[in-house]
Amino acid sequence: VFLTKIYHAYPVYDLTYKENLQKLLQFVKPFENLDTTGRQGLYRYNNMDHSLAMGRKMARGLIRGVDGGAHGVATGEEYFG
């Protein structure tokens, strides 16, 4: 297992962040043993409750060998609209 922690790093949004994020996620998608999550991994400024929900969903998915739905946390327009 390899983990990199980046302290005091927050996403900075610009007008092209959605397109740039999609390019990154498409690049890492072929790697079967790589999952991205959290503020840095999903380029998302989420709250602590969202971070915990993402972590739980990611862990459950990894244990079960399925997509746990971590990428769907805090994605509504109320956060990015």
PDB file of N, CA and C in Angstrom:
ATOM      1  N   VAL A   1       0.845  -1.177   0.000  1.00  0.00           N
ATOM      2  CA  VAL A   1       0.000   0.000   0.000  1.00  0.00           C
ATOM      3  C   VAL A   1       0.883   1.230   0.000  1.00  0.00           C
ATOM      4  N   PHE A   2       0.555   2.185  -0.839  1.00  0.00           N
ATOM      5  CA  PHE A   2       1.297   3.443  -0.929  1.00  0.00           C
ATOM      6  C   PHE A   2       0.326   4.581  -0.682  1.00  0.00           C
ATOM      7  N   LEU A   3       0.691   5.479   0.192  1.00  0.00           N
ATOM      8  CA  LEU A   3      -0.161   6.605   0.539  1.00  0.00           C
ATOM      9  C   LEU A   3       0.692   7.853   0.595  1.00  0.00           C
ATOM     10  N   THR A   4       0.209   8.921  -0.015  1.00  0.00           N
ATOM     11  CA  THR A   4       0.889  10.208   0.063  1.00  0.00           C
ATOM     12  C   THR A   4      -0.058  11.202   0.694  1.00  0.00           C
ATOM     13  N   LYS A   5       0.391  11.853   1.743  1.00  0.00           N
ATOM     14  CA  LYS A   5      -0.407  12.885   2.397  1.00  0.00           C
ATOM     15  C   LYS A   5       0.181  14.244   2.065  1.00  0.00           C
ATOM     16  N   ILE A   6      -0.688  15.169   1.719  1.00  0.00           N
ATOM     17  CA  ILE A   6      -0.271  16.524   1.416  1.00  0.00           C
ATOM     18  C   ILE A   6      -0.915  17.428   2.451  1.00  0.00           C
ATOM     19  N   TYR A   7      -0.128  17.974   3.335  1.00  0.00           N
ATOM     20  CA  TYR A   7      -0.659  18.801   4.408  1.00  0.00           C
ATOM     21  C   TYR A   7      -0.922  20.221   3.929  1.00  0.00           C
ATOM     22  N   HIS A   8      -2.008  20.785   4.393  1.00  0.00           N
ATOM     23  CA  HIS A   8      -2.381  22.168   4.105  1.00  0.00           C
ATOM     24  C   HIS A   8      -2.562  22.428   2.610  1.00  0.00           C
ATOM     25  N   ALA A   9      -3.075  21.460   1.895  1.00  0.00           N
ATOM     26  CA  ALA A   9      -3.323  21.625   0.463  1.00  0.00           C
ATOM     27  C   ALA A   9      -4.833  21.644   0.221  1.00  0.00           C
ATOM     28  N   TYR A  10      -5.293  22.656  -0.473  1.00  0.00           N
ATOM     29  CA  TYR A  10      -6.706  22.792  -0.777  1.00  0.00           C
ATOM     30  C   TYR A  10      -6.876  23.016  -2.276  1.00  0.00           C
ATOM     31  N   PRO A  11      -7.948  22.484  -2.848  1.00  0.00           N
ATOM     32  CA  PRO A  11      -8.191  22.730  -4.265  1.00  0.00           C
ATOM     33  C   PRO A  11      -8.469  24.210  -4.529  1.00  0.00           C
ATOM     34  N   VAL A  12      -7.977  24.673  -5.641  1.00  0.00           N
ATOM     35  CA  VAL A  12      -8.267  26.030  -6.091  1.00  0.00           C
ATOM     36  C   VAL A  12      -9.018  25.884  -7.404  1.00  0.00           C
ATOM     37  N   TYR A  13     -10.223  26.426  -7.428  1.00  0.00           N
ATOM     38  CA  TYR A  13     -11.068  26.265  -8.601  1.00  0.00           C
ATOM     39  C   TYR A  13     -10.846  27.398  -9.590  1.00  0.00           C
ATOM     40  N   ASP A  14     -10.840  27.029 -10.859  1.00  0.00           N
ATOM     41  CA  ASP A  14     -10.842  28.021 -11.925  1.00  0.00           C
ATOM     42  C   ASP A  14     -11.925  27.602 -12.915  1.00  0.00           C
ATOM     43  N   LEU A  15     -12.022  28.277 -14.015  1.00  0.00           N
ATOM     44  CA  LEU A  15     -13.109  28.009 -14.959  1.00  0.00           C
ATOM     45  C   LEU A  15     -12.970  26.679 -15.692  1.00  0.00           C
ATOM     46  N   THR A  16     -11.791  26.063 -15.639  1.00  0.00           N
ATOM     47  CA  THR A  16     -11.578  24.808 -16.363  1.00  0.00           C
ATOM     48  C   THR A  16     -11.305  23.625 -15.443  1.00  0.00           C
ATOM     49  N   TYR A  17     -11.574  23.758 -14.139  1.00  0.00           N
ATOM     50  CA  TYR A  17     -11.212  22.683 -13.227  1.00  0.00           C
ATOM     51  C   TYR A  17     -11.965  21.385 -13.528  1.00  0.00           C
ATOM     52  N   LYS A  18     -13.223  21.459 -13.942  1.00  0.00           N
ATOM     53  CA  LYS A  18     -13.981  20.233 -14.218  1.00  0.00           C
ATOM     54  C   LYS A  18     -13.363  19.451 -15.376  1.00  0.00           C
ATOM     55  N   GLU A  19     -12.994  20.150 -16.424  1.00  0.00           N
ATOM     56  CA  GLU A  19     -12.364  19.490 -17.573  1.00  0.00           C
ATOM     57  C   GLU A  19     -11.000  18.920 -17.191  1.00  0.00           C
ATOM     58  N   ASN A  20     -10.238  19.682 -16.426  1.00  0.00           N
ATOM     59  CA  ASN A  20      -8.922  19.208 -16.007  1.00  0.00           C
ATOM     60  C   ASN A  20      -9.033  17.990 -15.093  1.00  0.00           C
ATOM     61  N   LEU A  21     -10.012  17.994 -14.205  1.00  0.00           N
ATOM     62  CA  LEU A  21     -10.217  16.854 -13.322  1.00  0.00           C
ATOM     63  C   LEU A  21     -10.596  15.615 -14.120  1.00  0.00           C
ATOM     64  N   GLN A  22     -11.466  15.765 -15.116  1.00  0.00           N
ATOM     65  CA  GLN A  22     -11.867  14.617 -15.933  1.00  0.00           C
ATOM     66  C   GLN A  22     -10.670  14.022 -16.676  1.00  0.00           C
ATOM     67  N   LYS A  23      -9.772  14.860 -17.165  1.00  0.00           N
ATOM     68  CA  LYS A  23      -8.562  14.360 -17.828  1.00  0.00           C
ATOM     69  C   LYS A  23      -7.728  13.531 -16.870  1.00  0.00           C
ATOM     70  N   LEU A  24      -7.578  14.032 -15.649  1.00  0.00           N
ATOM     71  CA  LEU A  24      -6.792  13.311 -14.648  1.00  0.00           C
ATOM     72  C   LEU A  24      -7.441  11.977 -14.286  1.00  0.00           C
ATOM     73  N   LEU A  25      -8.746  11.990 -14.029  1.00  0.00           N
ATOM     74  CA  LEU A  25      -9.430  10.754 -13.658  1.00  0.00           C
ATOM     75  C   LEU A  25      -9.399   9.731 -14.789  1.00  0.00           C
ATOM     76  N   GLN A  26      -9.492  10.170 -16.037  1.00  0.00           N
ATOM     77  CA  GLN A  26      -9.389   9.250 -17.169  1.00  0.00           C
ATOM     78  C   GLN A  26      -7.983   8.671 -17.276  1.00  0.00           C
ATOM     79  N   PHE A  27      -6.975   9.461 -16.928  1.00  0.00           N
ATOM     80  CA  PHE A  27      -5.593   8.986 -16.973  1.00  0.00           C
ATOM     81  C   PHE A  27      -5.347   7.878 -15.951  1.00  0.00           C
ATOM     82  N   VAL A  28      -5.870   8.040 -14.731  1.00  0.00           N
ATOM     83  CA  VAL A  28      -5.608   7.056 -13.675  1.00  0.00           C
ATOM     84  C   VAL A  28      -6.569   5.871 -13.704  1.00  0.00           C
ATOM     85  N   LYS A  29      -7.651   5.969 -14.453  1.00  0.00           N
ATOM     86  CA  LYS A  29      -8.657   4.911 -14.493  1.00  0.00           C
ATOM     87  C   LYS A  29      -8.099   3.531 -14.870  1.00  0.00           C
ATOM     88  N   PRO A  30      -7.186   3.418 -15.834  1.00  0.00           N
ATOM     89  CA  PRO A  30      -6.667   2.089 -16.200  1.00  0.00           C
ATOM     90  C   PRO A  30      -5.869   1.384 -15.092  1.00  0.00           C
ATOM     91  N   PHE A  31      -5.399   2.112 -14.110  1.00  0.00           N
ATOM     92  CA  PHE A  31      -4.623   1.510 -13.036  1.00  0.00           C
ATOM     93  C   PHE A  31      -5.573   0.809 -12.067  1.00  0.00           C
ATOM     94  N   GLU A  32      -5.535  -0.507 -12.049  1.00  0.00           N
ATOM     95  CA  GLU A  32      -6.473  -1.277 -11.233  1.00  0.00           C
ATOM     96  C   GLU A  32      -6.248  -1.098  -9.738  1.00  0.00           C
ATOM     97  N   ASN A  33      -5.047  -0.759  -9.329  1.00  0.00           N
ATOM     98  CA  ASN A  33      -4.747  -0.663  -7.901  1.00  0.00           C
ATOM     99  C   ASN A  33      -4.588   0.783  -7.439  1.00  0.00           C
ATOM    100  N   LEU A  34      -5.252   1.721  -8.112  1.00  0.00           N
ATOM    101  CA  LEU A  34      -5.153   3.131  -7.755  1.00  0.00           C
ATOM    102  C   LEU A  34      -6.550   3.722  -7.610  1.00  0.00           C
ATOM    103  N   ASP A  35      -6.814   4.270  -6.452  1.00  0.00           N
ATOM    104  CA  ASP A  35      -8.076   4.953  -6.199  1.00  0.00           C
ATOM    105  C   ASP A  35      -7.770   6.354  -5.703  1.00  0.00           C
ATOM    106  N   THR A  36      -8.543   7.316  -6.147  1.00  0.00           N
ATOM    107  CA  THR A  36      -8.368   8.688  -5.688  1.00  0.00           C
ATOM    108  C   THR A  36      -9.570   9.084  -4.857  1.00  0.00           C
ATOM    109  N   THR A  37      -9.306   9.839  -3.802  1.00  0.00           N
ATOM    110  CA  THR A  37     -10.395  10.280  -2.937  1.00  0.00           C
ATOM    111  C   THR A  37      -9.958  11.504  -2.151  1.00  0.00           C
ATOM    112  N   GLY A  38     -10.889  12.135  -1.508  1.00  0.00           N
ATOM    113  CA  GLY A  38     -10.573  13.277  -0.655  1.00  0.00           C
ATOM    114  C   GLY A  38     -10.378  14.571  -1.427  1.00  0.00           C
ATOM    115  N   ARG A  39      -9.928  15.584  -0.712  1.00  0.00           N
ATOM    116  CA  ARG A  39      -9.751  16.911  -1.301  1.00  0.00           C
ATOM    117  C   ARG A  39      -8.765  16.896  -2.458  1.00  0.00           C
ATOM    118  N   GLN A  40      -7.620  16.299  -2.249  1.00  0.00           N
ATOM    119  CA  GLN A  40      -6.603  16.305  -3.292  1.00  0.00           C
ATOM    120  C   GLN A  40      -6.905  15.294  -4.390  1.00  0.00           C
ATOM    121  N   GLY A  41      -7.402  14.127  -4.027  1.00  0.00           N
ATOM    122  CA  GLY A  41      -7.648  13.071  -5.005  1.00  0.00           C
ATOM    123  C   GLY A  41      -8.825  13.324  -5.914  1.00  0.00           C
ATOM    124  N   LEU A  42      -9.800  14.084  -5.449  1.00  0.00           N
ATOM    125  CA  LEU A  42     -10.973  14.383  -6.269  1.00  0.00           C
ATOM    126  C   LEU A  42     -11.117  15.870  -6.538  1.00  0.00           C
ATOM    127  N   TYR A  43     -10.128  16.649  -6.136  1.00  0.00           N
ATOM    128  CA  TYR A  43     -10.129  18.096  -6.359  1.00  0.00           C
ATOM    129  C   TYR A  43     -11.424  18.703  -5.851  1.00  0.00           C
ATOM    130  N   ARG A  44     -11.727  18.358  -4.601  1.00  0.00           N
ATOM    131  CA  ARG A  44     -13.004  18.748  -4.030  1.00  0.00           C
ATOM    132  C   ARG A  44     -12.786  19.325  -2.636  1.00  0.00           C
ATOM    133  N   TYR A  45     -13.292  20.497  -2.411  1.00  0.00           N
ATOM    134  CA  TYR A  45     -13.222  21.092  -1.085  1.00  0.00           C
ATOM    135  C   TYR A  45     -14.441  20.624  -0.312  1.00  0.00           C
ATOM    136  N   ASN A  46     -14.275  19.487   0.371  1.00  0.00           N
ATOM    137  CA  ASN A  46     -15.394  18.915   1.099  1.00  0.00           C
ATOM    138  C   ASN A  46     -15.233  19.146   2.605  1.00  0.00           C
ATOM    139  N   ASN A  47     -16.324  18.987   3.326  1.00  0.00           N
ATOM    140  CA  ASN A  47     -16.323  19.153   4.769  1.00  0.00           C
ATOM    141  C   ASN A  47     -15.868  17.865   5.443  1.00  0.00           C
ATOM    142  N   MET A  48     -15.621  17.931   6.747  1.00  0.00           N
ATOM    143  CA  MET A  48     -15.152  16.753   7.474  1.00  0.00           C
ATOM    144  C   MET A  48     -16.151  15.601   7.375  1.00  0.00           C
ATOM    145  N   ASP A  49     -17.440  15.894   7.458  1.00  0.00           N
ATOM    146  CA  ASP A  49     -18.419  14.810   7.347  1.00  0.00           C
ATOM    147  C   ASP A  49     -18.367  14.163   5.974  1.00  0.00           C
ATOM    148  N   HIS A  50     -18.092  14.946   4.938  1.00  0.00           N
ATOM    149  CA  HIS A  50     -17.947  14.380   3.599  1.00  0.00           C
ATOM    150  C   HIS A  50     -16.686  13.521   3.517  1.00  0.00           C
ATOM    151  N   SER A  51     -15.606  13.983   4.131  1.00  0.00           N
ATOM    152  CA  SER A  51     -14.358  13.212   4.122  1.00  0.00           C
ATOM    153  C   SER A  51     -14.553  11.857   4.797  1.00  0.00           C
ATOM    154  N   LEU A  52     -15.248  11.854   5.920  1.00  0.00           N
ATOM    155  CA  LEU A  52     -15.509  10.591   6.612  1.00  0.00           C
ATOM    156  C   LEU A  52     -16.395   9.675   5.772  1.00  0.00           C
ATOM    157  N   ALA A  53     -17.410  10.233   5.152  1.00  0.00           N
ATOM    158  CA  ALA A  53     -18.290   9.428   4.299  1.00  0.00           C
ATOM    159  C   ALA A  53     -17.518   8.855   3.118  1.00  0.00           C
ATOM    160  N   MET A  54     -16.660   9.664   2.511  1.00  0.00           N
ATOM    161  CA  MET A  54     -15.835   9.166   1.404  1.00  0.00           C
ATOM    162  C   MET A  54     -14.941   8.021   1.859  1.00  0.00           C
ATOM    163  N   GLY A  55     -14.306   8.206   2.997  1.00  0.00           N
ATOM    164  CA  GLY A  55     -13.409   7.171   3.514  1.00  0.00           C
ATOM    165  C   GLY A  55     -14.128   5.871   3.804  1.00  0.00           C
ATOM    166  N   ARG A  56     -15.298   5.964   4.429  1.00  0.00           N
ATOM    167  CA  ARG A  56     -16.071   4.753   4.720  1.00  0.00           C
ATOM    168  C   ARG A  56     -16.503   4.049   3.436  1.00  0.00           C
ATOM    169  N   LYS A  57     -16.981   4.823   2.475  1.00  0.00           N
ATOM    170  CA  LYS A  57     -17.425   4.233   1.215  1.00  0.00           C
ATOM    171  C   LYS A  57     -16.248   3.612   0.455  1.00  0.00           C
ATOM    172  N   MET A  58     -15.102   4.293   0.472  1.00  0.00           N
ATOM    173  CA  MET A  58     -13.917   3.763  -0.201  1.00  0.00           C
ATOM    174  C   MET A  58     -13.480   2.458   0.460  1.00  0.00           C
ATOM    175  N   ALA A  59     -13.436   2.432   1.791  1.00  0.00           N
ATOM    176  CA  ALA A  59     -13.019   1.226   2.514  1.00  0.00           C
ATOM    177  C   ALA A  59     -13.966   0.063   2.249  1.00  0.00           C
ATOM    178  N   ARG A  60     -15.265   0.316   2.330  1.00  0.00           N
ATOM    179  CA  ARG A  60     -16.246  -0.755   2.070  1.00  0.00           C
ATOM    180  C   ARG A  60     -16.097  -1.296   0.661  1.00  0.00           C
ATOM    181  N   GLY A  61     -15.908  -0.400  -0.300  1.00  0.00           N
ATOM    182  CA  GLY A  61     -15.742  -0.841  -1.680  1.00  0.00           C
ATOM    183  C   GLY A  61     -14.488  -1.668  -1.870  1.00  0.00           C
ATOM    184  N   LEU A  62     -13.394  -1.262  -1.250  1.00  0.00           N
ATOM    185  CA  LEU A  62     -12.149  -2.019  -1.367  1.00  0.00           C
ATOM    186  C   LEU A  62     -12.275  -3.396  -0.732  1.00  0.00           C
ATOM    187  N   ILE A  63     -12.917  -3.473   0.425  1.00  0.00           N
ATOM    188  CA  ILE A  63     -13.094  -4.756   1.103  1.00  0.00           C
ATOM    189  C   ILE A  63     -13.957  -5.695   0.266  1.00  0.00           C
ATOM    190  N   ARG A  64     -15.011  -5.147  -0.334  1.00  0.00           N
ATOM    191  CA  ARG A  64     -15.947  -5.966  -1.115  1.00  0.00           C
ATOM    192  C   ARG A  64     -15.521  -6.153  -2.568  1.00  0.00           C
ATOM    193  N   GLY A  65     -14.528  -5.404  -3.003  1.00  0.00           N
ATOM    194  CA  GLY A  65     -14.074  -5.513  -4.382  1.00  0.00           C
ATOM    195  C   GLY A  65     -15.003  -4.875  -5.387  1.00  0.00           C
ATOM    196  N   VAL A  66     -15.735  -3.849  -4.933  1.00  0.00           N
ATOM    197  CA  VAL A  66     -16.682  -3.149  -5.810  1.00  0.00           C
ATOM    198  C   VAL A  66     -16.487  -1.648  -5.660  1.00  0.00           C
ATOM    199  N   ASP A  67     -17.177  -0.893  -6.497  1.00  0.00           N
ATOM    200  CA  ASP A  67     -17.173   0.564  -6.366  1.00  0.00           C
ATOM    201  C   ASP A  67     -18.060   0.927  -5.188  1.00  0.00           C
ATOM    202  N   GLY A  68     -17.492   1.535  -4.162  1.00  0.00           N
ATOM    203  CA  GLY A  68     -18.244   1.882  -2.971  1.00  0.00           C
ATOM    204  C   GLY A  68     -19.005   3.177  -3.064  1.00  0.00           C
ATOM    205  N   GLY A  69     -18.832   3.933  -4.147  1.00  0.00           N
ATOM    206  CA  GLY A  69     -19.557   5.175  -4.331  1.00  0.00           C
ATOM    207  C   GLY A  69     -18.909   6.389  -3.702  1.00  0.00           C
ATOM    208  N   ALA A  70     -17.631   6.302  -3.360  1.00  0.00           N
ATOM    209  CA  ALA A  70     -16.944   7.425  -2.709  1.00  0.00           C
ATOM    210  C   ALA A  70     -16.915   8.665  -3.589  1.00  0.00           C
ATOM    211  N   HIS A  71     -16.850   8.485  -4.895  1.00  0.00           N
ATOM    212  CA  HIS A  71     -16.771   9.637  -5.794  1.00  0.00           C
ATOM    213  C   HIS A  71     -18.074  10.416  -5.855  1.00  0.00           C
ATOM    214  N   GLY A  72     -19.171   9.839  -5.383  1.00  0.00           N
ATOM    215  CA  GLY A  72     -20.454  10.519  -5.433  1.00  0.00           C
ATOM    216  C   GLY A  72     -20.740  11.419  -4.236  1.00  0.00           C
ATOM    217  N   VAL A  73     -19.854  11.426  -3.255  1.00  0.00           N
ATOM    218  CA  VAL A  73     -20.084  12.234  -2.041  1.00  0.00           C
ATOM    219  C   VAL A  73     -19.832  13.697  -2.348  1.00  0.00           C
ATOM    220  N   ALA A  74     -20.744  14.548  -1.940  1.00  0.00           N
ATOM    221  CA  ALA A  74     -20.615  16.015  -2.059  1.00  0.00           C
ATOM    222  C   ALA A  74     -20.385  16.470  -3.497  1.00  0.00           C
ATOM    223  N   THR A  75     -21.192  15.965  -4.407  1.00  0.00           N
ATOM    224  CA  THR A  75     -21.050  16.340  -5.803  1.00  0.00           C
ATOM    225  C   THR A  75     -22.208  17.165  -6.339  1.00  0.00           C
ATOM    226  N   GLY A  76     -23.172  17.457  -5.513  1.00  0.00           N
ATOM    227  CA  GLY A  76     -24.353  18.180  -5.967  1.00  0.00           C
ATOM    228  C   GLY A  76     -24.076  19.615  -6.328  1.00  0.00           C
ATOM    229  N   GLU A  77     -24.979  20.202  -7.076  1.00  0.00           N
ATOM    230  CA  GLU A  77     -24.832  21.593  -7.508  1.00  0.00           C
ATOM    231  C   GLU A  77     -24.788  22.566  -6.342  1.00  0.00           C
ATOM    232  N   GLU A  78     -25.342  22.169  -5.182  1.00  0.00           N
ATOM    233  CA  GLU A  78     -25.294  23.059  -4.043  1.00  0.00           C
ATOM    234  C   GLU A  78     -23.860  23.289  -3.564  1.00  0.00           C
ATOM    235  N   TYR A  79     -22.952  22.381  -3.952  1.00  0.00           N
ATOM    236  CA  TYR A  79     -21.551  22.543  -3.582  1.00  0.00           C
ATOM    237  C   TYR A  79     -20.747  23.244  -4.670  1.00  0.00           C
ATOM    238  N   PHE A  80     -21.131  23.065  -5.934  1.00  0.00           N
ATOM    239  CA  PHE A  80     -20.319  23.571  -7.030  1.00  0.00           C
ATOM    240  C   PHE A  80     -21.094  24.409  -8.021  1.00  0.00           C
ATOM    241  N   GLY A  81     -22.348  24.711  -7.748  1.00  0.00           N
ATOM    242  CA  GLY A  81     -23.193  25.415  -8.712  1.00  0.00           C
ATOM    243  C   GLY A  81     -22.992  26.884  -8.744  1.00  0.00           C
TER     244      GLY A  81
END
